[in-house]
C-alpha atoms as a PDB file:
ATOM      1  CA  MET A   1       3.241   6.712 -12.658  1.00  0.00           C
ATOM      2  CA  ILE A   2       4.527   3.286 -12.286  1.00  0.00           C
ATOM      3  CA  TYR A   3       7.258   2.463  -9.764  1.00  0.00           C
ATOM      4  CA  LYS A   4      10.299   0.650 -11.359  1.00  0.00           C
ATOM      5  CA  ASP A   5      11.030  -0.672  -7.800  1.00  0.00           C
ATOM      6  CA  TYR A   6      10.498   0.044  -3.964  1.00  0.00           C
ATOM      7  CA  ALA A   7      13.348   1.709  -4.131  1.00  0.00           C
ATOM      8  CA  THR A   8      12.627   5.323  -5.945  1.00  0.00           C
ATOM      9  CA  ILE A   9       9.900   5.584  -3.692  1.00  0.00           C
ATOM     10  CA  VAL A  10      11.575   5.703  -0.796  1.00  0.00           C
ATOM     11  CA  GLN A  11      14.711   8.294  -2.488  1.00  0.00           C
ATOM     12  CA  VAL A  12      11.169  10.589  -2.888  1.00  0.00           C
ATOM     13  CA  ALA A  13       9.407  10.134  -0.425  1.00  0.00           C
ATOM     14  CA  LYS A  14      12.674  11.306   2.132  1.00  0.00           C
ATOM     15  CA  LYS A  15      14.884  13.426   0.169  1.00  0.00           C
ATOM     16  CA  TYR A  16      11.501  15.765  -1.709  1.00  0.00           C
ATOM     17  CA  TYR A  17       9.233  14.526   0.942  1.00  0.00           C
ATOM     18  CA  LYS A  18      11.547  14.501   4.542  1.00  0.00           C
ATOM     19  CA  ASP A  19       9.376  11.394   5.322  1.00  0.00           C
ATOM     20  CA  ASP A  20       8.909   8.610   7.443  1.00  0.00           C
ATOM     21  CA  ASN A  21       6.603   5.642   8.577  1.00  0.00           C
ATOM     22  CA  TYR A  22       4.827   6.597   5.052  1.00  0.00           C
ATOM     23  CA  CYS A  23       3.037   2.764   4.076  1.00  0.00           C
ATOM     24  CA  THR A  24      -0.057   3.556   3.052  1.00  0.00           C
ATOM     25  CA  VAL A  25       1.258   6.629   0.610  1.00  0.00           C
ATOM     26  CA  VAL A  26       3.632   4.164  -0.810  1.00  0.00           C
ATOM     27  CA  ALA A  27       0.400   1.504  -1.231  1.00  0.00           C
ATOM     28  CA  LEU A  28      -1.997   4.239  -2.638  1.00  0.00           C
ATOM     29  CA  ALA A  29       0.385   5.577  -5.385  1.00  0.00           C
ATOM     30  CA  VAL A  30       1.511   2.293  -6.045  1.00  0.00           C
ATOM     31  CA  ALA A  31      -1.648   0.981  -6.827  1.00  0.00           C
ATOM     32  CA  ALA A  32      -3.631   3.409  -8.075  1.00  0.00           C
ATOM     33  CA  GLY A  33      -0.681   4.491 -10.516  1.00  0.00           C
ATOM     34  CA  ILE A  34       0.270   8.151  -9.648  1.00  0.00           C
ATOM     35  CA  GLY A  35       3.316   9.612  -7.944  1.00  0.00           C
ATOM     36  CA  TYR A  36       4.541  10.057  -4.422  1.00  0.00           C
ATOM     37  CA  GLY A  37       4.031  13.849  -3.793  1.00  0.00           C
ATOM     38  CA  ALA A  38       0.359  12.901  -4.972  1.00  0.00           C
ATOM     39  CA  ALA A  39      -0.304  10.289  -2.756  1.00  0.00           C
ATOM     40  CA  PHE A  40       1.177  12.900  -0.126  1.00  0.00           C
ATOM     41  CA  HIS A  41      -0.883  15.412  -0.851  1.00  0.00           C
ATOM     42  CA  THR A  42      -3.684  13.009  -0.676  1.00  0.00           C
ATOM     43  CA  TYR A  43      -3.707  12.166   2.757  1.00  0.00           C
ATOM     44  CA  ARG A  44      -1.710  15.300   3.792  1.00  0.00           C
ATOM     45  CA  ARG A  45      -5.939  16.850   3.018  1.00  0.00           C
ATOM     46  CA  LEU A  46      -7.019  14.189   4.656  1.00  0.00           C
ATOM     47  CA  GLY A  47      -4.816  14.845   7.531  1.00  0.00           C
ATOM     48  CA  ARG A  48      -2.453  12.309   7.646  1.00  0.00           C
ATOM     49  CA  VAL A  49       0.632  14.625   9.442  1.00  0.00           C
ATOM     50  CA  THR A  50       4.148  13.610   8.284  1.00  0.00           C
ATOM     51  CA  LYS A  51       6.151  11.340   9.900  1.00  0.00           C
ATOM     52  CA  LYS A  52       3.208   9.214  11.316  1.00  0.00           C
ATOM     53  CA  GLY A  53       1.294   6.482  10.238  1.00  0.00           C
ATOM     54  CA  THR A  54      -2.333   6.127   9.208  1.00  0.00           C
ATOM     55  CA  ARG A  55      -5.608   4.377  10.823  1.00  0.00           C
ATOM     56  CA  LEU A  56      -7.983   2.221   7.676  1.00  0.00           C
ATOM     57  CA  GLU A  57     -10.465   4.778   8.024  1.00  0.00           C
ATOM     58  CA  MET A  58      -7.849   7.374   6.239  1.00  0.00           C
ATOM     59  CA  GLN A  59      -6.604   4.931   3.989  1.00  0.00           C
ATOM     60  CA  LYS A  60      -9.571   3.035   2.584  1.00  0.00           C
ATOM     61  CA  ALA A  61     -11.231   7.199   2.220  1.00  0.00           C
ATOM     62  CA  ALA A  62      -7.823   8.363   0.502  1.00  0.00           C
ATOM     63  CA  PHE A  63      -8.220   5.332  -1.997  1.00  0.00           C
ATOM     64  CA  ALA A  64     -11.984   6.184  -2.920  1.00  0.00           C
ATOM     65  CA  GLU A  65     -10.296   9.919  -3.373  1.00  0.00           C
ATOM     66  CA  HIS A  66      -8.431   7.933  -6.995  1.00  0.00           C
ATOM     67  CA  GLY A  67     -11.007   6.000  -7.298  1.00  0.00           C
ATOM     68  CA  LEU A  68     -10.610   2.153  -6.277  1.00  0.00           C
ATOM     69  CA  THR A  69     -12.033   0.680  -3.168  1.00  0.00           C
ATOM     70  CA  LEU A  70     -10.511  -1.889  -0.276  1.00  0.00           C
ATOM     71  CA  VAL A  71     -11.633  -4.707   0.061  1.00  0.00           C
ATOM     72  CA  TYR A  72     -11.678  -7.184   2.423  1.00  0.00           C
ATOM     73  CA  THR A  73     -10.167 -10.996   1.440  1.00  0.00           C
ATOM     74  CA  THR A  74      -9.451 -13.809   3.646  1.00  0.00           C
ATOM     75  CA  ASN A  75      -7.448 -15.889   0.630  1.00  0.00           C
ATOM     76  CA  VAL A  76      -5.223 -14.542  -1.886  1.00  0.00           C
ATOM     77  CA  PHE A  77      -4.702 -17.267  -4.605  1.00  0.00           C
ATOM     78  CA  GLY A  78      -6.667 -19.777  -3.222  1.00  0.00           C
ATOM     79  CA  LYS A  79      -5.482 -20.275   0.460  1.00  0.00           C
ATOM     80  CA  THR A  80      -4.689 -17.854   3.111  1.00  0.00           C
ATOM     81  CA  LEU A  81      -1.161 -16.187   3.427  1.00  0.00           C
ATOM     82  CA  LYS A  82       0.781 -16.420   6.605  1.00  0.00           C
ATOM     83  CA  THR A  83       4.442 -14.479   5.868  1.00  0.00           C
ATOM     84  CA  ALA A  84       4.472 -11.709   3.898  1.00  0.00           C
ATOM     85  CA  ALA A  85       7.058 -12.789   1.443  1.00  0.00           C
ATOM     86  CA  GLU A  86       3.900 -15.285   0.240  1.00  0.00           C
ATOM     87  CA  CYS A  87       2.700 -12.912  -1.768  1.00  0.00           C
ATOM     88  CA  SER A  88       4.864 -12.998  -4.715  1.00  0.00           C
ATOM     89  CA  ARG A  89       2.479 -15.167  -6.629  1.00  0.00           C
ATOM     90  CA  ALA A  90      -0.222 -12.746  -6.317  1.00  0.00           C
ATOM     91  CA  LYS A  91      -2.064 -11.773  -9.324  1.00  0.00           C
ATOM     92  CA  GLY A  92      -3.910  -8.511  -8.732  1.00  0.00           C
ATOM     93  CA  THR A  93      -3.851  -5.260  -6.617  1.00  0.00           C
ATOM     94  CA  TYR A  94      -3.496  -6.193  -2.655  1.00  0.00           C
ATOM     95  CA  LEU A  95      -3.027  -4.548   0.971  1.00  0.00           C
ATOM     96  CA  VAL A  96      -1.216  -7.037   3.242  1.00  0.00           C
ATOM     97  CA  TYR A  97      -1.447  -5.471   6.919  1.00  0.00           C
ATOM     98  CA  SER A  98       1.341  -7.064   9.036  1.00  0.00           C
ATOM     99  CA  SER A  99       1.531  -6.002  12.601  1.00  0.00           C
ATOM    100  CA  ALA A 100       1.254  -2.113  12.522  1.00  0.00           C
ATOM    101  CA  HIS A 101       2.392  -2.109   8.500  1.00  0.00           C
ATOM    102  CA  VAL A 102       0.878  -1.703   5.401  1.00  0.00           C
ATOM    103  CA  SER A 103       2.486  -3.354   2.210  1.00  0.00           C
ATOM    104  CA  ALA A 104       1.387  -3.167  -0.947  1.00  0.00           C
ATOM    105  CA  VAL A 105       1.230  -6.013  -4.319  1.00  0.00           C
ATOM    106  CA  VAL A 106       0.458  -5.764  -7.629  1.00  0.00           C
ATOM    107  CA  ASP A 107       1.090  -8.994  -9.665  1.00  0.00           C
ATOM    108  CA  GLY A 108       2.832 -10.357  -7.051  1.00  0.00           C
ATOM    109  CA  THR A 109       5.532  -7.101  -6.971  1.00  0.00           C
ATOM    110  CA  MET A 110       6.478  -5.708  -3.136  1.00  0.00           C
ATOM    111  CA  TYR A 111       6.273  -2.057  -3.258  1.00  0.00           C
ATOM    112  CA  ASP A 112       7.766  -2.116   0.440  1.00  0.00           C
ATOM    113  CA  TRP A 113      10.796  -3.413   2.592  1.00  0.00           C
ATOM    114  CA  ALA A 114       9.334  -6.756   3.562  1.00  0.00           C
ATOM    115  CA  THR A 115       9.459  -8.476   0.763  1.00  0.00           C
ATOM    116  CA  THR A 116      11.722 -11.069   2.567  1.00  0.00           C
ATOM    117  CA  SER A 117      10.035 -11.045   5.852  1.00  0.00           C
ATOM    118  CA  ARG A 118       8.293 -13.244   7.615  1.00  0.00           C
ATOM    119  CA  LYS A 119       6.062 -11.345  10.003  1.00  0.00           C
ATOM    120  CA  ARG A 120       2.830 -12.321   9.859  1.00  0.00           C
ATOM    121  CA  VAL A 121       0.193 -11.587   7.869  1.00  0.00           C
ATOM    122  CA  LYS A 122      -2.639  -9.896   9.683  1.00  0.00           C
ATOM    123  CA  ASN A 123      -5.827  -9.262   7.031  1.00  0.00           C
ATOM    124  CA  VAL A 124      -5.477  -8.474   2.727  1.00  0.00           C
ATOM    125  CA  TYR A 125      -7.904  -6.468   0.853  1.00  0.00           C
ATOM    126  CA  GLU A 126      -7.274  -6.514  -2.811  1.00  0.00           C
ATOM    127  CA  ILE A 127      -7.807  -3.502  -4.278  1.00  0.00           C
ATOM    128  CA  VAL A 128     -10.431  -2.683  -6.696  1.00  0.00           C
ATOM    129  CA  LYS A 129     -11.694   0.274  -9.062  1.00  0.00           C
ATOM    130  CA  SER A 130     -15.217   1.977  -7.791  1.00  0.00           C
ATOM    131  CA  THR A 131     -17.809   1.342  -9.410  1.00  0.00           C
ATOM    132  CA  LYS A 132     -20.137   4.848  -9.417  1.00  0.00           C
END
């Protein structure tokens, strides 16, 4: 499933799942091309409590269930990112971590409320298909 924009995802999360603090669920849905419900239930199986965030190890396990691997990177489009808003030029699929938050970026489109955020980027992971 490909979402048109972040607002659509938020509407589904709130209306049908009564969820909040769901940035990693959104990231999985967008990166894996699945619906919010499928991503929500993947995290639920792994122990995520509704309206609570997740840790990196749970995120890695959730992405692995959908054939994806998180690869740490320090260099996106030839330079180190300083703020989340700089992601608009990134090609590929990334998770951009800032303080207690993660944003999903797919080919320069950020699926997050932080599209114009000046929050400092802490880590960036490229999402790649797993090889088995």
